[in-house]
Amino acid sequence: MDAIFGVPVPALLSQLLLGLVNGAFYAMLSLGLALIFGLLNVINFAHGVLYMLGAMLAWMGLSYLGLSYWAMLVIAPIVVGILGIVIERTMLRWLYRVDHMYSLLLTFGITLVVEGLFRSLYGASGQPYSAPEALAGGLDIRFMVLPMYRAWVVVVSALVCFLTWFVIERTKLGSYLRAGTENPRLVEAFGVNVPVMLTLTYAFGAGLAALAGVLAAPVVQVSPLMGSNLVITVFAVVVIGGMGSIMGSLITGLSLGIVEGMTRVFYPELSSTVVFIVMALVLLIRPAGLLGKEN
């Protein structure tokens, strides 16, 4: 078969793989959002700006300090994770027991402040960031030449997402985290410091966003607005998968990346809105999301 609905099979497979790359970013970002909401009960609208900070720190590390991509792959998530600790300890910790709207407004305000600061320093135009030499070139897979860096992104995202899911769902630490959000007094009675545990959870979610930002830096233009352009789509992914469902976010992120890629082939005008159409259809059928828990 040379074509499907008039589209050459190689072009179809190429878009399928590129959609998988986008889905890897969606999965990693939605994982951090789902983790923070599921364990802290906080709608973290600042997730997009934390993603932007990861990319900006990678670019600044190279431009000002000469730090390599590999160094920033470790440093940027740690720095943003520390910033997450500051945000959680000074602001978010007071909003765990109140309406979700308060955390949404607070994190939206943080987004505006940080984005405004970086726009005043660097402007709104994007900055180039080259992939490391070790990941230059491409892989010839017959129907296309897949850039090595994009293959690297998919592998790293899949590994990070799996390890995070495993820790949360299959280890004693994950059981403490889940129990600490449902009944903190009971968990504290066993000697677990629940406030510190929640702080580190938010820091880890922030670090995941920064890691995604560093991975995205060589693929997209590094800009103070790159997070705000993506966070709405990632929120839609989390809603479709089920708010707080880690596995739902992972499956939905990868799937919607592929759906978006296929839409670009058959009906390009719909590619920027197909995620929201899917969200509307899913919420009509299952308001809690695909893997969310019904109240």
Protein backbone atom coordinates (compact mmCIF):
# COMPACT_ATOMS: atom_id res chain seq x y z
CA MET A 1 0.00 0.00 0.00
CA ASP A 2 1.61 3.24 -1.19
CA ALA A 3 -0.95 5.70 0.19
CA ILE A 4 -3.77 5.98 2.72
CA PHE A 5 -6.59 8.37 1.79
CA GLY A 6 -4.26 9.94 -0.75
CA VAL A 7 -1.42 10.47 1.76
CA PRO A 8 1.84 8.63 1.07
CA VAL A 9 2.65 6.05 3.74
CA PRO A 10 6.17 7.44 4.41
CA ALA A 11 4.70 10.91 5.09
CA LEU A 12 2.13 9.33 7.40
CA LEU A 13 4.75 7.41 9.35
CA SER A 14 6.95 10.51 9.58
CA GLN A 15 4.14 12.54 11.15
CA LEU A 16 3.40 9.62 13.47
CA LEU A 17 6.94 9.71 14.83
CA LEU A 18 7.02 13.51 15.11
CA GLY A 19 3.69 13.34 16.94
CA LEU A 20 5.27 10.84 19.33
CA VAL A 21 8.01 13.39 20.10
CA ASN A 22 5.41 16.07 20.90
CA GLY A 23 3.52 13.49 22.93
CA ALA A 24 6.66 12.83 24.97
CA PHE A 25 6.76 16.51 25.98
CA TYR A 26 3.04 16.47 26.76
CA ALA A 27 3.44 13.33 28.87
CA MET A 28 6.33 14.69 30.94
CA LEU A 29 4.67 18.06 31.55
CA SER A 30 1.28 16.57 32.31
CA LEU A 31 2.97 14.08 34.66
CA GLY A 32 4.24 16.96 36.82
CA LEU A 33 0.84 18.64 36.80
CA ALA A 34 -1.00 15.43 37.68
CA LEU A 35 1.52 14.66 40.42
CA ILE A 36 1.07 18.07 42.06
CA PHE A 37 -2.72 18.01 41.80
CA GLY A 38 -3.09 14.37 42.80
CA LEU A 39 -0.85 14.59 45.88
CA LEU A 40 -1.10 18.27 46.88
CA ASN A 41 -4.58 19.09 45.55
CA VAL A 42 -3.17 22.25 43.91
CA ILE A 43 -3.93 23.47 40.38
CA ASN A 44 -0.43 24.60 39.41
CA PHE A 45 -0.84 27.12 36.58
CA ALA A 46 2.82 28.07 37.10
CA HIS A 47 3.87 24.75 35.55
CA GLY A 48 4.35 26.39 32.17
CA VAL A 49 6.67 29.05 33.55
CA LEU A 50 8.70 26.39 35.40
CA TYR A 51 9.09 24.62 32.04
CA MET A 52 10.22 27.92 30.51
CA LEU A 53 12.71 28.47 33.33
CA GLY A 54 14.33 25.10 32.61
CA ALA A 55 14.91 26.07 28.98
CA MET A 56 16.01 29.63 29.84
CA LEU A 57 18.47 28.37 32.45
CA ALA A 58 19.95 25.97 29.89
CA TRP A 59 20.40 28.85 27.44
CA MET A 60 21.78 31.20 30.12
CA GLY A 61 24.16 28.52 31.40
CA LEU A 62 25.62 28.11 27.92
CA SER A 63 25.65 31.82 27.03
CA TYR A 64 27.06 33.23 30.28
CA LEU A 65 28.93 30.35 31.93
CA GLY A 66 29.77 28.04 29.05
CA LEU A 67 27.98 25.13 30.72
CA SER A 68 27.16 22.24 28.41
CA TYR A 69 23.75 20.78 27.68
CA TRP A 70 24.63 17.72 29.79
CA ALA A 71 25.48 19.86 32.81
CA MET A 72 22.28 21.89 32.51
CA LEU A 73 20.25 18.71 32.19
CA VAL A 74 21.13 18.18 35.87
CA ILE A 75 21.58 21.75 37.14
CA ALA A 76 18.39 23.33 35.75
CA PRO A 77 15.93 20.84 37.38
CA ILE A 78 17.76 21.22 40.71
CA VAL A 79 17.64 25.04 40.58
CA VAL A 80 13.97 25.09 39.58
CA GLY A 81 13.22 22.44 42.21
CA ILE A 82 14.74 24.75 44.86
CA LEU A 83 12.56 27.56 43.53
CA GLY A 84 9.62 25.19 43.88
CA ILE A 85 10.53 24.66 47.55
CA VAL A 86 10.49 28.44 48.08
CA ILE A 87 7.11 28.80 46.35
CA GLU A 88 5.56 25.95 48.31
CA ARG A 89 6.92 26.97 51.71
CA THR A 90 6.12 30.67 51.41
CA MET A 91 2.83 30.65 49.49
CA LEU A 92 1.19 27.39 48.44
CA ARG A 93 1.28 25.65 51.82
CA TRP A 94 -1.44 28.00 53.09
CA LEU A 95 -3.86 27.04 50.30
CA TYR A 96 -4.13 23.26 50.64
CA ARG A 97 -7.40 23.33 52.55
CA VAL A 98 -9.19 26.05 50.60
CA ASP A 99 -10.94 26.22 47.23
CA HIS A 100 -8.85 25.32 44.15
CA MET A 101 -9.49 28.75 42.71
CA TYR A 102 -7.08 30.34 45.18
CA SER A 103 -4.13 28.16 44.13
CA LEU A 104 -5.03 28.74 40.49
CA LEU A 105 -5.02 32.52 40.94
CA LEU A 106 -1.79 32.46 42.95
CA THR A 107 0.12 30.34 40.44
CA PHE A 108 -1.28 32.41 37.57
CA GLY A 109 0.07 35.51 39.30
CA ILE A 110 3.47 33.85 39.72
CA THR A 111 3.42 33.09 35.99
CA LEU A 112 2.73 36.72 35.08
CA VAL A 113 5.49 38.02 37.36
CA VAL A 114 8.19 35.60 36.16
CA GLU A 115 7.25 35.93 32.48
CA GLY A 116 7.21 39.71 32.78
CA LEU A 117 10.64 39.72 34.41
CA PHE A 118 12.22 37.59 31.66
CA ARG A 119 10.47 39.52 28.90
CA SER A 120 11.91 42.77 30.28
CA LEU A 121 15.39 41.21 30.33
CA TYR A 122 15.43 39.24 27.06
CA GLY A 123 12.38 40.32 25.05
CA ALA A 124 9.75 38.05 23.55
CA SER A 125 11.79 36.75 20.60
CA GLY A 126 13.20 33.23 20.76
CA GLN A 127 16.84 32.36 21.37
CA PRO A 128 18.52 29.47 19.50
CA TYR A 129 19.98 26.57 21.47
CA SER A 130 21.88 23.85 19.64
CA ALA A 131 21.66 20.16 20.40
CA PRO A 132 24.88 18.58 21.76
CA GLU A 133 27.31 17.19 19.20
CA ALA A 134 26.84 13.66 20.56
CA LEU A 135 23.20 13.79 19.46
CA ALA A 136 23.73 15.47 16.11
CA GLY A 137 22.74 13.79 12.87
CA GLY A 138 19.91 11.38 12.26
CA LEU A 139 18.83 7.76 12.07
CA ASP A 140 17.86 6.40 8.67
CA ILE A 141 14.73 4.32 9.28
CA ARG A 142 13.86 3.83 5.60
CA PHE A 143 10.77 6.03 5.39
CA MET A 144 12.47 9.05 7.01
CA VAL A 145 15.62 10.29 8.68
CA LEU A 146 14.76 10.68 12.36
CA PRO A 147 16.93 13.29 14.10
CA MET A 148 18.98 11.66 16.84
CA TYR A 149 18.00 14.35 19.31
CA ARG A 150 14.27 13.71 18.88
CA ALA A 151 14.83 10.00 19.44
CA TRP A 152 16.76 10.91 22.61
CA VAL A 153 13.83 13.02 23.83
CA VAL A 154 11.39 10.14 23.43
CA VAL A 155 13.67 7.68 25.25
CA VAL A 156 14.44 10.02 28.17
CA SER A 157 10.80 11.08 28.55
CA ALA A 158 9.60 7.48 28.57
CA LEU A 159 12.24 6.50 31.15
CA VAL A 160 11.50 9.46 33.47
CA CYS A 161 7.75 8.95 33.22
CA PHE A 162 8.00 5.23 33.97
CA LEU A 163 10.32 5.74 36.96
CA THR A 164 8.04 8.44 38.40
CA TRP A 165 4.95 6.25 38.00
CA PHE A 166 6.80 3.30 39.58
CA VAL A 167 7.91 5.33 42.61
CA ILE A 168 4.44 6.78 43.22
CA GLU A 169 2.42 3.63 42.61
CA ARG A 170 4.72 0.74 43.54
CA THR A 171 7.01 1.84 46.39
CA LYS A 172 6.65 2.49 50.12
CA LEU A 173 7.58 6.16 49.55
CA GLY A 174 4.70 6.50 47.09
CA SER A 175 2.29 4.93 49.57
CA TYR A 176 3.42 7.43 52.22
CA LEU A 177 2.83 10.29 49.77
CA ARG A 178 -0.67 9.13 48.89
CA ALA A 179 -1.58 8.44 52.51
CA GLY A 180 -0.12 11.79 53.62
CA THR A 181 -2.49 13.70 51.35
CA GLU A 182 -5.54 11.70 52.41
CA ASN A 183 -4.92 11.47 56.17
CA PRO A 184 -1.87 13.53 57.22
CA ARG A 185 -2.46 13.15 60.98
CA LEU A 186 -2.42 9.37 60.76
CA VAL A 187 0.78 9.36 58.71
CA GLU A 188 2.45 11.83 61.10
CA ALA A 189 1.63 9.45 63.94
CA PHE A 190 4.03 6.97 62.29
CA GLY A 191 6.85 9.54 62.45
CA VAL A 192 6.60 10.83 58.88
CA ASN A 193 7.14 14.57 58.42
CA VAL A 194 4.20 15.23 56.07
CA PRO A 195 4.84 18.98 55.45
CA VAL A 196 8.41 18.28 54.31
CA MET A 197 7.17 15.42 52.15
CA LEU A 198 4.62 17.67 50.43
CA THR A 199 7.26 20.36 49.89
CA LEU A 200 9.59 17.87 48.22
CA THR A 201 6.70 16.62 46.08
CA TYR A 202 6.10 20.11 44.69
CA ALA A 203 9.85 20.55 44.18
CA PHE A 204 9.98 17.28 42.25
CA GLY A 205 7.05 18.34 40.06
CA ALA A 206 8.79 21.66 39.38
CA GLY A 207 12.02 19.81 38.55
CA LEU A 208 10.15 17.61 36.06
CA ALA A 209 8.85 20.72 34.30
CA ALA A 210 12.37 22.17 34.16
CA LEU A 211 13.77 18.90 32.80
CA ALA A 212 11.16 19.01 30.03
CA GLY A 213 12.24 22.60 29.33
CA VAL A 214 15.90 21.62 28.94
CA LEU A 215 14.92 18.75 26.62
CA ALA A 216 12.77 21.14 24.57
CA ALA A 217 15.41 23.88 24.27
CA PRO A 218 17.16 22.44 21.15
CA VAL A 219 13.79 21.63 19.52
CA VAL A 220 11.98 24.97 19.94
CA GLN A 221 13.09 28.57 20.22
CA VAL A 222 13.88 29.40 23.86
CA SER A 223 11.53 32.24 24.78
CA PRO A 224 9.92 33.70 27.92
CA LEU A 225 6.54 32.90 26.33
CA MET A 226 7.21 29.25 25.48
CA GLY A 227 5.53 28.01 28.66
CA SER A 228 2.31 30.00 28.30
CA ASN A 229 1.95 28.74 24.73
CA LEU A 230 2.00 25.13 25.94
CA VAL A 231 0.46 25.03 29.41
CA ILE A 232 -3.17 25.26 28.21
CA THR A 233 -2.69 22.20 26.01
CA VAL A 234 -1.03 20.34 28.88
CA PHE A 235 -3.94 21.22 31.19
CA ALA A 236 -6.28 19.76 28.57
CA VAL A 237 -4.19 16.57 28.54
CA VAL A 238 -4.46 16.27 32.33
CA VAL A 239 -8.22 16.85 32.25
CA ILE A 240 -8.69 14.19 29.56
CA GLY A 241 -6.57 11.66 31.44
CA GLY A 242 -8.28 12.46 34.76
CA MET A 243 -7.18 15.12 37.23
CA GLY A 244 -4.59 13.57 39.52
CA SER A 245 -4.25 10.35 37.51
CA ILE A 246 -0.58 9.81 36.71
CA MET A 247 -1.15 6.90 34.34
CA GLY A 248 -4.02 8.78 32.68
CA SER A 249 -1.75 11.75 32.00
CA LEU A 250 1.02 9.58 30.55
CA ILE A 251 -1.26 7.63 28.22
CA THR A 252 -3.19 10.73 27.15
CA GLY A 253 -0.07 12.83 26.58
CA LEU A 254 1.50 10.29 24.22
CA SER A 255 -1.81 9.53 22.48
CA LEU A 256 -2.74 13.15 21.87
CA GLY A 257 0.70 13.91 20.47
CA ILE A 258 0.11 11.17 17.89
CA VAL A 259 -3.47 12.35 17.22
CA GLU A 260 -2.20 15.89 16.71
CA GLY A 261 0.44 14.62 14.26
CA MET A 262 -2.12 12.64 12.27
CA THR A 263 -4.44 15.64 12.16
CA ARG A 264 -1.67 17.70 10.57
CA VAL A 265 -1.61 15.16 7.74
CA PHE A 266 -5.32 14.84 7.02
CA TYR A 267 -6.72 18.21 8.14
CA PRO A 268 -3.97 20.69 9.14
CA GLU A 269 -6.42 23.50 9.99
CA LEU A 270 -7.73 21.41 12.90
CA SER A 271 -4.36 20.42 14.40
CA SER A 272 -4.18 23.30 16.90
CA THR A 273 -7.66 22.62 18.30
CA VAL A 274 -8.03 18.83 18.08
CA VAL A 275 -6.85 18.41 21.70
CA PHE A 276 -9.68 20.60 22.97
CA ILE A 277 -12.24 18.84 20.79
CA VAL A 278 -11.14 15.52 22.29
CA MET A 279 -11.36 17.06 25.77
CA ALA A 280 -14.93 18.22 25.17
CA LEU A 281 -15.98 14.80 23.89
CA VAL A 282 -14.35 12.95 26.79
CA LEU A 283 -15.92 15.25 29.40
CA LEU A 284 -19.35 14.76 27.83
CA ILE A 285 -19.00 10.98 28.19
CA ARG A 286 -16.91 10.78 31.37
CA PRO A 287 -16.63 14.03 33.37
CA ALA A 288 -13.86 12.66 35.60
CA GLY A 289 -11.60 11.93 32.64
CA LEU A 290 -10.51 8.63 31.16
CA LEU A 291 -8.77 7.27 34.28
CA GLY A 292 -10.01 9.79 36.85
CA LYS A 293 -11.95 8.75 39.93
CA GLU A 294 -15.66 9.53 40.00
CA ASN A 295 -16.78 11.42 43.12
